[in-house]
Protein backbone atom coordinates (compact mmCIF):
# COMPACT_ATOMS: atom_id res chain seq x y z
CA UNK A 1 -12.34 4.87 8.09
CA UNK A 2 -16.03 4.05 7.86
CA UNK A 3 -18.32 1.02 8.19
CA UNK A 4 -17.70 -0.28 4.70
CA UNK A 5 -14.11 0.98 4.23
CA UNK A 6 -10.94 -0.07 6.01
CA UNK A 7 -7.20 0.17 5.59
CA UNK A 8 -4.31 -1.84 7.10
CA UNK A 9 -2.16 1.30 6.95
CA UNK A 10 0.80 -0.49 5.28
CA UNK A 11 2.70 2.43 3.84
CA UNK A 12 4.28 2.15 0.38
CA UNK A 13 2.80 -1.41 0.06
CA UNK A 14 2.81 -1.40 -3.78
CA UNK A 15 6.45 -0.29 -3.85
CA UNK A 16 7.60 -2.87 -1.32
CA UNK A 17 5.78 -5.75 -3.03
CA UNK A 18 7.02 -4.89 -6.50
CA UNK A 19 10.54 -3.59 -5.81
CA UNK A 20 13.57 -5.59 -7.00
CA UNK A 21 15.23 -4.62 -3.70
CA UNK A 22 12.70 -6.58 -1.67
CA UNK A 23 14.21 -9.85 -0.49
CA UNK A 24 12.37 -13.13 -0.16
CA UNK A 25 12.40 -12.80 3.65
CA UNK A 26 11.02 -9.26 3.37
CA UNK A 27 8.31 -10.39 1.01
CA UNK A 28 7.33 -13.32 3.28
CA UNK A 29 7.10 -11.05 6.31
CA UNK A 30 5.06 -8.51 4.38
CA UNK A 31 2.58 -11.19 3.17
CA UNK A 32 2.23 -12.61 6.67
CA UNK A 33 1.69 -9.16 8.12
CA UNK A 34 -1.12 -8.45 5.60
CA UNK A 35 -2.69 -11.85 6.24
CA UNK A 36 -2.77 -11.11 10.01
CA UNK A 37 -4.41 -7.75 9.27
CA UNK A 38 -7.10 -9.53 7.18
CA UNK A 39 -7.50 -12.16 9.91
CA UNK A 40 -8.35 -9.31 12.37
CA UNK A 41 -11.01 -8.08 9.86
CA UNK A 42 -12.48 -11.61 9.59
CA UNK A 43 -12.44 -12.08 13.42
CA UNK A 44 -14.30 -8.72 13.74
CA UNK A 45 -17.03 -9.86 11.42
CA UNK A 46 -17.37 -13.13 13.28
CA UNK A 47 -18.08 -15.03 10.05
CA UNK A 48 -15.87 -17.50 8.18
CA UNK A 49 -15.59 -16.32 4.59
CA UNK A 50 -15.18 -18.08 1.33
CA UNK A 51 -11.83 -16.75 -0.07
CA UNK A 52 -11.36 -16.11 -3.78
CA UNK A 53 -8.26 -14.69 -5.50
CA UNK A 54 -6.42 -14.85 -8.83
CA UNK A 55 -3.82 -17.65 -9.00
CA UNK A 56 -0.20 -16.67 -8.40
CA UNK A 57 1.47 -13.60 -6.89
CA UNK A 58 0.75 -11.69 -3.71
CA UNK A 59 -3.00 -12.40 -3.60
CA UNK A 60 -2.54 -16.16 -3.57
CA UNK A 61 0.22 -15.99 -0.97
CA UNK A 62 -1.94 -13.86 1.35
CA UNK A 63 -5.09 -15.89 0.71
CA UNK A 64 -3.40 -19.16 1.60
CA UNK A 65 -1.82 -17.75 4.79
CA UNK A 66 -5.20 -16.31 5.82
CA UNK A 67 -7.01 -19.54 5.03
CA UNK A 68 -4.56 -21.46 7.27
CA UNK A 69 -4.88 -18.93 10.13
CA UNK A 70 -8.72 -19.21 10.12
CA UNK A 71 -8.65 -23.01 9.78
CA UNK A 72 -6.35 -23.29 12.81
CA UNK A 73 -8.40 -20.90 14.98
CA UNK A 74 -10.76 -22.97 17.11
CA UNK A 75 -12.96 -20.13 18.33
CA UNK A 76 -13.85 -18.94 14.82
CA UNK A 77 -14.53 -22.47 13.58
CA UNK A 78 -16.86 -23.19 16.48
CA UNK A 79 -19.09 -20.23 15.64
CA UNK A 80 -22.38 -21.12 14.13
CA UNK A 81 -22.30 -20.40 10.41
CA UNK A 82 -25.03 -18.41 8.77
CA UNK A 83 -26.78 -19.70 5.60
CA UNK A 84 -24.90 -17.17 3.46
CA UNK A 85 -21.23 -16.75 4.27
CA UNK A 86 -19.26 -13.64 3.23
CA UNK A 87 -17.21 -13.71 0.09
CA UNK A 88 -13.62 -12.34 0.60
CA UNK A 89 -12.05 -11.37 -2.75
CA UNK A 90 -8.30 -10.63 -2.62
CA UNK A 91 -7.05 -8.75 -5.68
CA UNK A 92 -3.67 -7.40 -7.00
CA UNK A 93 -3.09 -3.72 -7.64
CA UNK A 94 -1.12 -4.72 -10.76
CA UNK A 95 -4.35 -5.94 -12.39
CA UNK A 96 -5.55 -2.32 -12.59
CA UNK A 97 -3.01 0.53 -12.40
CA UNK A 98 -5.40 2.95 -14.03
CA UNK A 99 -7.86 3.46 -11.25
CA UNK A 100 -5.43 4.96 -8.67
CA UNK A 101 -4.23 7.58 -11.12
CA UNK A 102 -7.38 8.34 -13.13
CA UNK A 103 -9.41 11.50 -12.37
CA UNK A 104 -12.75 10.93 -10.77
CA UNK A 105 -16.22 12.55 -10.73
CA UNK A 106 -17.91 11.72 -7.41
CA UNK A 107 -18.08 13.87 -4.30
CA UNK A 108 -16.04 11.90 -1.79
CA UNK A 109 -13.47 10.79 -4.32
CA UNK A 110 -12.97 14.38 -5.47
CA UNK A 111 -12.49 15.55 -1.88
CA UNK A 112 -9.69 13.01 -1.44
CA UNK A 113 -8.24 13.85 -4.87
CA UNK A 114 -8.25 17.66 -4.79
CA UNK A 115 -8.13 18.68 -1.13
CA UNK A 116 -6.05 17.60 1.86
CA UNK A 117 -7.91 14.57 3.14
CA UNK A 118 -6.75 12.13 5.74
CA UNK A 119 -8.75 9.85 8.07
CA UNK A 120 -11.98 11.73 7.20
CA UNK A 121 -10.42 15.14 8.05
CA UNK A 122 -10.55 17.59 5.14
CA UNK A 123 -8.37 20.79 5.05
CA UNK A 124 -8.32 23.59 2.52
CA UNK A 125 -7.73 27.34 2.22
CA UNK A 126 -10.34 30.01 1.71
CA UNK A 127 -9.56 33.48 0.43
CA UNK A 128 -11.63 36.13 2.32
CA UNK A 129 -12.40 39.43 0.57
CA UNK A 130 -10.74 38.49 -2.70
CA UNK A 131 -11.34 41.99 -4.06
CA UNK A 132 -9.49 43.69 -1.16
CA UNK A 133 -6.04 45.11 -1.63
CA UNK A 134 -4.68 42.48 0.73
CA UNK A 135 -6.90 39.33 0.56
CA UNK A 136 -6.71 37.22 3.67
CA UNK A 137 -6.24 33.48 3.37
CA UNK A 138 -7.89 31.33 6.06
CA UNK A 139 -7.27 27.66 6.69
CA UNK A 140 -10.46 25.61 7.05
CA UNK A 141 -10.52 22.23 8.74
CA UNK A 142 -13.49 19.87 9.04
CA UNK A 143 -13.97 16.33 10.42
CA UNK A 144 -16.47 14.40 8.34
CA UNK A 145 -18.47 11.37 9.45
CA UNK A 146 -19.36 9.31 6.35
CA UNK A 147 -21.72 7.08 8.32
CA UNK A 148 -23.59 9.60 10.54
CA UNK A 149 -23.59 12.84 8.51
CA UNK A 150 -26.87 12.52 6.58
CA UNK A 151 -25.77 14.62 3.63
CA UNK A 152 -22.39 13.02 3.25
CA UNK A 153 -23.79 9.53 3.66
CA UNK A 154 -26.36 10.07 0.94
CA UNK A 155 -24.21 11.92 -1.55
CA UNK A 156 -20.56 10.75 -1.14
CA UNK A 157 -20.90 8.30 -4.07
CA UNK A 158 -22.93 10.63 -6.33
CA UNK A 159 -21.55 12.65 -9.21
CA UNK A 160 -20.22 16.05 -8.06
CA UNK A 161 -22.94 18.15 -9.87
CA UNK A 162 -25.71 16.15 -8.14
CA UNK A 163 -24.10 16.82 -4.71
CA UNK A 164 -24.15 20.52 -5.59
CA UNK A 165 -27.80 20.46 -6.52
CA UNK A 166 -28.81 18.62 -3.39
CA UNK A 167 -26.81 20.85 -1.10
CA UNK A 168 -28.49 23.95 -2.57
CA UNK A 169 -32.01 22.57 -2.42
CA UNK A 170 -31.62 21.10 1.10
CA UNK A 171 -30.05 24.28 2.46
CA UNK A 172 -32.95 26.31 1.02
CA UNK A 173 -35.48 24.01 2.64
CA UNK A 174 -33.80 24.12 6.02
CA UNK A 175 -33.41 27.93 5.87
CA UNK A 176 -37.04 28.36 4.93
CA UNK A 177 -38.17 26.11 7.82
CA UNK A 178 -35.95 28.02 10.28
CA UNK A 179 -37.39 31.30 9.20
CA UNK A 180 -40.93 29.98 9.50
CA UNK A 181 -40.34 28.82 13.12
CA UNK A 182 -38.67 32.08 14.12
CA UNK A 183 -41.53 34.06 12.52
CA UNK A 184 -44.10 32.00 14.50
CA UNK A 185 -42.18 32.37 17.76
CA UNK A 186 -41.81 36.20 17.35
CA UNK A 187 -45.57 36.72 16.86
CA UNK A 188 -47.58 36.83 20.16
CA UNK A 189 -50.26 34.19 19.84
CA UNK A 190 -53.80 35.20 20.73
CA UNK A 191 -55.36 33.84 23.90
CA UNK A 192 -57.51 31.49 21.91
CA UNK A 193 -54.64 29.88 20.05
CA UNK A 194 -52.71 29.51 23.35
CA UNK A 195 -55.60 27.52 24.79
CA UNK A 196 -55.96 25.47 21.66
CA UNK A 197 -53.54 23.24 19.78
CA UNK A 198 -51.62 26.23 18.36
CA UNK A 199 -49.51 26.54 21.46
CA UNK A 200 -48.54 22.87 21.30
CA UNK A 201 -47.64 23.14 17.66
CA UNK A 202 -45.53 26.21 18.33
CA UNK A 203 -43.76 24.53 21.26
CA UNK A 204 -43.01 21.48 19.13
CA UNK A 205 -41.65 23.63 16.33
CA UNK A 206 -39.45 25.63 18.69
CA UNK A 207 -38.17 22.39 20.24
CA UNK A 208 -37.17 21.13 16.76
CA UNK A 209 -35.16 24.34 16.07
CA UNK A 210 -31.83 23.17 17.63
CA UNK A 211 -31.77 20.04 15.47
CA UNK A 212 -32.71 22.10 12.45
CA UNK A 213 -29.82 24.53 13.12
CA UNK A 214 -27.42 21.61 13.48
CA UNK A 215 -28.57 20.33 10.13
CA UNK A 216 -28.11 23.74 8.56
CA UNK A 217 -24.61 23.95 10.04
CA UNK A 218 -23.70 20.55 8.48
CA UNK A 219 -25.07 21.66 5.11
CA UNK A 220 -23.09 24.85 5.28
CA UNK A 221 -19.92 22.89 5.94
CA UNK A 222 -20.57 20.89 2.79
CA UNK A 223 -21.25 24.19 0.93
CA UNK A 224 -17.77 25.34 1.88
CA UNK A 225 -16.22 21.99 0.88
CA UNK A 226 -18.13 21.94 -2.45
CA UNK A 227 -16.88 25.45 -3.14
CA UNK A 228 -13.26 24.41 -2.38
CA UNK A 229 -13.52 21.37 -4.63
CA UNK A 230 -15.04 23.46 -7.39
CA UNK A 231 -12.26 26.03 -7.15
CA UNK A 232 -9.78 23.24 -7.90
CA UNK A 233 -11.98 21.71 -10.58
CA UNK A 234 -12.21 25.03 -12.38
CA UNK A 235 -8.61 26.11 -11.92
CA UNK A 236 -7.25 22.78 -13.18
CA UNK A 237 -9.95 22.03 -15.75
CA UNK A 238 -10.41 18.59 -14.20
CA UNK A 239 -13.41 17.57 -16.38
CA UNK A 240 -11.25 17.75 -19.47
CA UNK A 241 -8.82 15.21 -18.00
CA UNK A 242 -11.68 13.05 -16.66
CA UNK A 243 -13.37 12.84 -20.01
CA UNK A 244 -10.20 12.03 -21.99
CA UNK A 245 -8.96 9.46 -19.47
CA UNK A 246 -12.38 7.80 -19.44
CA UNK A 247 -12.41 7.62 -23.24
CA UNK A 248 -8.94 6.11 -23.27
CA UNK A 249 -9.76 3.61 -20.52
CA UNK A 250 -12.90 2.33 -22.21
CA UNK A 251 -11.19 1.78 -25.55
CA UNK A 252 -12.92 4.61 -27.45
CA UNK A 253 -9.60 5.40 -29.17
CA UNK A 254 -8.79 1.72 -29.86
CA UNK A 255 -9.07 2.15 -33.61
CA UNK A 256 -7.51 5.64 -33.79
CA UNK A 257 -4.32 5.85 -31.79
CA UNK A 258 -3.24 8.87 -33.84
CA UNK A 259 -6.27 10.87 -32.52
CA UNK A 260 -5.58 9.58 -28.97
CA UNK A 261 -2.02 10.86 -29.19
CA UNK A 262 -3.16 14.17 -30.62
CA UNK A 263 -5.78 14.73 -27.92
CA UNK A 264 -3.36 13.79 -25.19
CA UNK A 265 -0.69 16.10 -26.50
CA UNK A 266 -3.20 18.93 -26.55
CA UNK A 267 -3.88 18.59 -22.78
CA UNK A 268 -0.15 18.19 -22.03
CA UNK A 269 0.65 21.43 -23.74
CA UNK A 270 1.74 24.45 -21.61
CA UNK A 271 -1.49 26.24 -22.68
CA UNK A 272 -3.53 23.60 -20.88
CA UNK A 273 -4.88 24.59 -17.44
CA UNK A 274 -4.13 21.33 -15.68
CA UNK A 275 -1.48 21.08 -12.96
CA UNK A 276 1.74 19.18 -13.54
CA UNK A 277 0.29 16.21 -11.66
CA UNK A 278 -2.91 16.29 -13.74
CA UNK A 279 -0.82 15.99 -16.87
CA UNK A 280 1.36 13.25 -15.44
CA UNK A 281 -1.72 11.25 -14.55
CA UNK A 282 -3.04 11.58 -18.18
CA UNK A 283 0.34 10.47 -19.47
CA UNK A 284 0.26 7.42 -17.30
CA UNK A 285 -3.34 6.55 -18.34
CA UNK A 286 -2.28 6.90 -22.00
CA UNK A 287 0.62 4.53 -21.47
CA UNK A 288 -1.56 2.02 -19.65
CA UNK A 289 -4.59 2.02 -21.92
CA UNK A 290 -3.12 2.11 -25.50
CA UNK A 291 -0.84 -0.05 -27.59
CA UNK A 292 1.19 3.00 -28.68
CA UNK A 293 4.63 2.24 -29.95
CA UNK A 294 7.70 3.22 -27.90
CA UNK A 295 8.42 6.15 -30.18
CA UNK A 296 4.90 7.57 -29.64
CA UNK A 297 5.22 7.08 -25.92
CA UNK A 298 8.53 8.86 -25.89
CA UNK A 299 7.04 11.78 -27.86
CA UNK A 300 4.12 12.12 -25.50
CA UNK A 301 6.41 11.82 -22.49
CA UNK A 302 8.69 14.58 -23.84
CA UNK A 303 5.65 16.88 -24.03
CA UNK A 304 5.27 16.57 -20.29
CA UNK A 305 8.39 18.68 -19.82
CA UNK A 306 9.40 17.31 -16.44
CA UNK A 307 11.54 14.31 -17.14
CA UNK A 308 12.81 14.08 -13.54
CA UNK A 309 9.36 12.92 -12.53
CA UNK A 310 8.00 11.30 -15.68
CA UNK A 311 11.24 9.53 -16.57
CA UNK A 312 11.31 6.99 -13.75
CA UNK A 313 7.51 6.32 -13.93
CA UNK A 314 7.62 5.70 -17.66
CA UNK A 315 10.72 3.54 -17.24
CA UNK A 316 8.83 1.36 -14.79
CA UNK A 317 5.76 1.11 -16.93
CA UNK A 318 7.85 0.16 -19.98
CA UNK A 319 9.44 -2.56 -17.93
CA UNK A 320 6.04 -3.96 -17.10
CA UNK A 321 5.08 -3.70 -20.79
CA UNK A 322 8.19 -5.60 -21.89
CA UNK A 323 7.44 -8.41 -19.37
CA UNK A 324 3.82 -8.49 -20.53
CA UNK A 325 2.69 -7.68 -16.99
CA UNK A 326 0.20 -4.99 -18.02
CA UNK A 327 -3.33 -6.29 -18.68
CA UNK A 328 -5.21 -4.79 -21.59
CA UNK A 329 -7.54 -1.86 -21.02
CA UNK A 330 -10.42 -4.05 -22.24
CA UNK A 331 -9.73 -6.43 -19.34
CA UNK A 332 -9.50 -3.71 -16.80
CA UNK A 333 -12.54 -1.48 -17.52
CA UNK A 334 -16.03 -2.21 -18.81
CA UNK A 335 -18.18 0.70 -19.85
CA UNK A 336 -21.63 0.85 -18.37
CA UNK A 337 -23.97 3.79 -18.93
CA UNK A 338 -26.10 4.63 -15.89
CA UNK A 339 -28.11 7.19 -17.78
CA UNK A 340 -30.35 6.63 -20.77
CA UNK A 341 -29.52 10.10 -22.17
CA UNK A 342 -26.44 11.05 -24.06
CA UNK A 343 -23.80 13.60 -23.21
CA UNK A 344 -25.80 16.47 -24.62
CA UNK A 345 -28.73 15.77 -22.30
CA UNK A 346 -26.21 15.49 -19.49
CA UNK A 347 -25.23 19.06 -20.23
CA UNK A 348 -28.92 20.11 -20.16
CA UNK A 349 -29.31 18.38 -16.79
CA UNK A 350 -26.23 20.13 -15.45
CA UNK A 351 -27.55 23.53 -16.57
CA UNK A 352 -30.62 22.78 -14.46
CA UNK A 353 -28.50 21.85 -11.50
CA UNK A 354 -26.40 24.98 -11.78
CA UNK A 355 -29.49 27.14 -12.13
CA UNK A 356 -30.70 25.83 -8.74
CA UNK A 357 -27.24 26.21 -7.21
CA UNK A 358 -27.10 29.90 -8.08
CA UNK A 359 -30.16 30.61 -5.98
CA UNK A 360 -28.06 30.01 -2.83
CA UNK A 361 -26.95 33.07 -0.89
CA UNK A 362 -23.32 32.05 -1.60
CA UNK A 363 -23.87 31.84 -5.31
CA UNK A 364 -22.08 28.49 -5.31
CA UNK A 365 -20.71 27.50 -8.68
CA UNK A 366 -22.77 30.16 -10.49
CA UNK A 367 -20.25 30.46 -13.28
CA UNK A 368 -19.26 26.78 -13.48
CA UNK A 369 -21.95 25.29 -15.65
CA UNK A 370 -19.58 24.53 -18.52
CA UNK A 371 -16.86 23.30 -16.27
CA UNK A 372 -18.38 20.14 -14.92
CA UNK A 373 -20.65 19.01 -17.73
CA UNK A 374 -18.42 16.07 -18.44
CA UNK A 375 -18.86 14.69 -14.95
CA UNK A 376 -22.39 13.68 -15.84
CA UNK A 377 -23.26 10.96 -18.32
CA UNK A 378 -21.36 7.68 -18.10
CA UNK A 379 -19.88 5.61 -15.32
CA UNK A 380 -17.55 2.69 -15.96
CA UNK A 381 -17.19 -0.46 -14.06
CA UNK A 382 -13.55 -0.76 -12.96
CA UNK A 383 -11.64 -3.98 -12.77
CA UNK A 384 -12.40 -4.75 -9.16
CA UNK A 385 -16.16 -4.11 -9.67
CA UNK A 386 -16.27 -6.40 -12.76
CA UNK A 387 -14.43 -9.21 -10.92
CA UNK A 388 -16.54 -9.05 -7.79
CA UNK A 389 -19.75 -8.95 -9.87
CA UNK A 390 -18.70 -11.99 -11.88
CA UNK A 391 -17.73 -13.92 -8.74
CA UNK A 392 -21.11 -13.10 -7.12
CA UNK A 393 -22.99 -14.20 -10.25
CA UNK A 394 -20.73 -17.31 -10.75
CA UNK A 395 -19.38 -16.12 -14.10
CA UNK A 396 -15.92 -15.97 -15.74
CA UNK A 397 -13.61 -15.49 -12.75
CA UNK A 398 -15.62 -18.10 -10.92
CA UNK A 399 -13.98 -20.70 -13.17
CA UNK A 400 -10.39 -19.46 -12.94
CA UNK A 401 -9.96 -17.90 -9.47
CA UNK A 402 -8.66 -19.95 -6.56
CA UNK A 403 -11.38 -21.07 -4.17
CA UNK A 404 -10.43 -21.55 -0.55
CA UNK A 405 -12.73 -22.57 2.31
CA UNK A 406 -11.17 -22.62 5.79
CA UNK A 407 -13.71 -25.41 6.71
CA UNK A 408 -12.44 -27.64 3.95
CA UNK A 409 -8.98 -29.16 3.67
CA UNK A 410 -7.15 -28.28 0.54
CA UNK A 411 -8.36 -26.29 -2.47
CA UNK A 412 -11.99 -26.51 -3.52
CA UNK A 413 -12.47 -27.91 -7.00
CA UNK A 414 -14.50 -25.17 -8.70
CA UNK A 415 -15.19 -27.36 -11.72
CA UNK A 416 -16.95 -29.93 -9.60
CA UNK A 417 -18.70 -27.18 -7.66
CA UNK A 418 -20.09 -25.72 -10.89
CA UNK A 419 -21.17 -29.09 -12.31
CA UNK A 420 -23.14 -30.14 -9.21
CA UNK A 421 -26.91 -29.97 -9.27
CA UNK A 422 -26.91 -28.32 -5.88
CA UNK A 423 -27.85 -24.63 -5.90
CA UNK A 424 -25.11 -22.39 -4.59
CA UNK A 425 -26.17 -19.88 -1.92
CA UNK A 426 -26.43 -16.35 -3.22
CA UNK A 427 -23.74 -13.91 -2.09
CA UNK A 428 -25.18 -11.50 0.50
CA UNK A 429 -21.93 -9.94 1.73
CA UNK A 430 -18.65 -9.11 -0.04
CA UNK A 431 -15.29 -7.95 1.28
CA UNK A 432 -13.09 -6.81 -1.53
CA UNK A 433 -9.43 -6.33 -0.54
CA UNK A 434 -6.76 -4.90 -2.87
CA UNK A 435 -3.09 -5.70 -2.23
CA UNK A 436 -0.89 -2.82 -3.07
CA UNK A 437 -3.08 0.20 -2.32
CA UNK A 438 -6.63 1.27 -2.87
CA UNK A 439 -8.46 4.48 -3.59
CA UNK A 440 -11.78 6.26 -2.89
CA UNK A 441 -12.54 6.12 -6.59
CA UNK A 442 -12.31 2.32 -6.55
CA UNK A 443 -14.35 2.19 -3.33
CA UNK A 444 -17.10 4.32 -4.91
CA UNK A 445 -17.10 2.27 -8.14
CA UNK A 446 -17.43 -0.97 -6.22
CA UNK A 447 -20.54 0.32 -4.43
CA UNK A 448 -22.37 0.22 -7.71
CA UNK A 449 -22.95 -3.45 -6.80
CA UNK A 450 -24.35 -2.74 -3.29
CA UNK A 451 -28.08 -3.14 -2.68
CA UNK A 452 -30.53 -4.03 0.05
CA UNK A 453 -29.71 -7.70 -0.67
CA UNK A 454 -25.90 -7.35 -0.95
CA UNK A 455 -23.49 -5.53 1.40
CA UNK A 456 -20.16 -4.39 -0.06
CA UNK A 457 -17.13 -3.67 2.00
CA UNK A 458 -13.78 -2.50 0.57
CA UNK A 459 -10.29 -2.46 2.05
CA UNK A 460 -6.67 -2.27 1.03
CA UNK A 461 -3.17 -2.39 2.42
CA UNK A 462 -3.47 1.44 2.33
CA UNK A 463 -5.93 3.94 0.96
CA UNK A 464 -4.01 6.50 -1.06
CA UNK A 465 -4.59 9.29 -3.58
CA UNK A 466 -2.89 9.73 -6.97
CA UNK A 467 -0.01 11.74 -5.54
CA UNK A 468 0.96 8.94 -3.14
CA UNK A 469 0.66 6.25 -5.80
CA UNK A 470 2.66 8.11 -8.39
CA UNK A 471 5.45 8.51 -5.84
CA UNK A 472 5.66 4.77 -5.48
CA UNK A 473 5.75 4.28 -9.27
CA UNK A 474 8.51 6.85 -9.40
CA UNK A 475 10.50 5.09 -6.69
CA UNK A 476 10.15 1.75 -8.57
CA UNK A 477 11.51 3.40 -11.69
CA UNK A 478 14.55 4.44 -9.77
CA UNK A 479 15.38 0.97 -8.49
């Protein structure tokens, strides 16, 4: 999909791995198939990784199979190892069911969430002449390159309002530069300037025009995409759901479940703007992040008003609850503010961004200042991000996670490794792989750990959006 993102394209992987209908033979074949997929990734990198995973379940089965495949492959083992070997972290989707359904706030994740997006192709509809008696709807289709498109590469992980601001300012700069070049070219230079350096400067400027126009075209594509995303954000009041889900996920309602229930019911009401799926996602987050009693869950579920969809999903989540297979919200998400200012100042910043955006010829998002204010402010480290960071820094999970080294027979004793006086090599490269489906939101969150000194790659059995994941939960509830 891109340099730091890959998928094994194993459809319905979460459903298959967790279904009661999956036989032992089917499970064994699935684990082997995934291990072979990861082996291909390792072979492509040409480096033998250190493999870490939680003990038990699908991650350990896959990790042990992969470890054996690498250890028995003579070509890989003969390759000269670098001083710092990659760290391959294999995680279970069941450790964090919130991330695939939670609303997001960054540019690329919102594209995948709100528009038709598959293999970097984005599709949406645009209404032309909305004030006409018969407005015409046109289908737009763009192929994005996350690694080579300068704007997308620089802004895909940024909060949506920041992408808006940058698009507006960069488009203004490019347009001004284009007009300046065309103005110079249209004026007949004097004979003296032709003889001097003026002619060379003009020729150089004219030569740069095609590249400048290509850049402008790319920015205009993103203007169209930003507008399409914003149309969905405004129509469905996405920031309201994002804010409430973030508050639930970070334990802000931990001491006041009654208020949590009240706020959730308010957004689930028919008066709320959100789509049916937006409300279902909020319902699932509420069930996953609180210790609400069964009666409260049933009341909130009833407010959703579509039992055909919510019934099977809630049945499955209740089964996980009864078997104590749902980790606590505190274990799954850790709040981390990336801004020193509070929410109020975030709103001030957003007003500034929107003011700049309105100067564009398209008037992009001119009336949306109050709609996306909640998308600035705080970012939270999701489960995968916390685990990877702890393993890189040799904390917490370093003591409990399985440690496999294809160059060493048997399991590595982490206790002895930690007690040794030898300094462990710093982790320079990480491959985080999630068994059971990943998401662009998780990919974006994980890249909070990336730096000039540490490369982060992310992969999964499949990269899916909330719609796809909810369908798998629904199917499991119908088993």
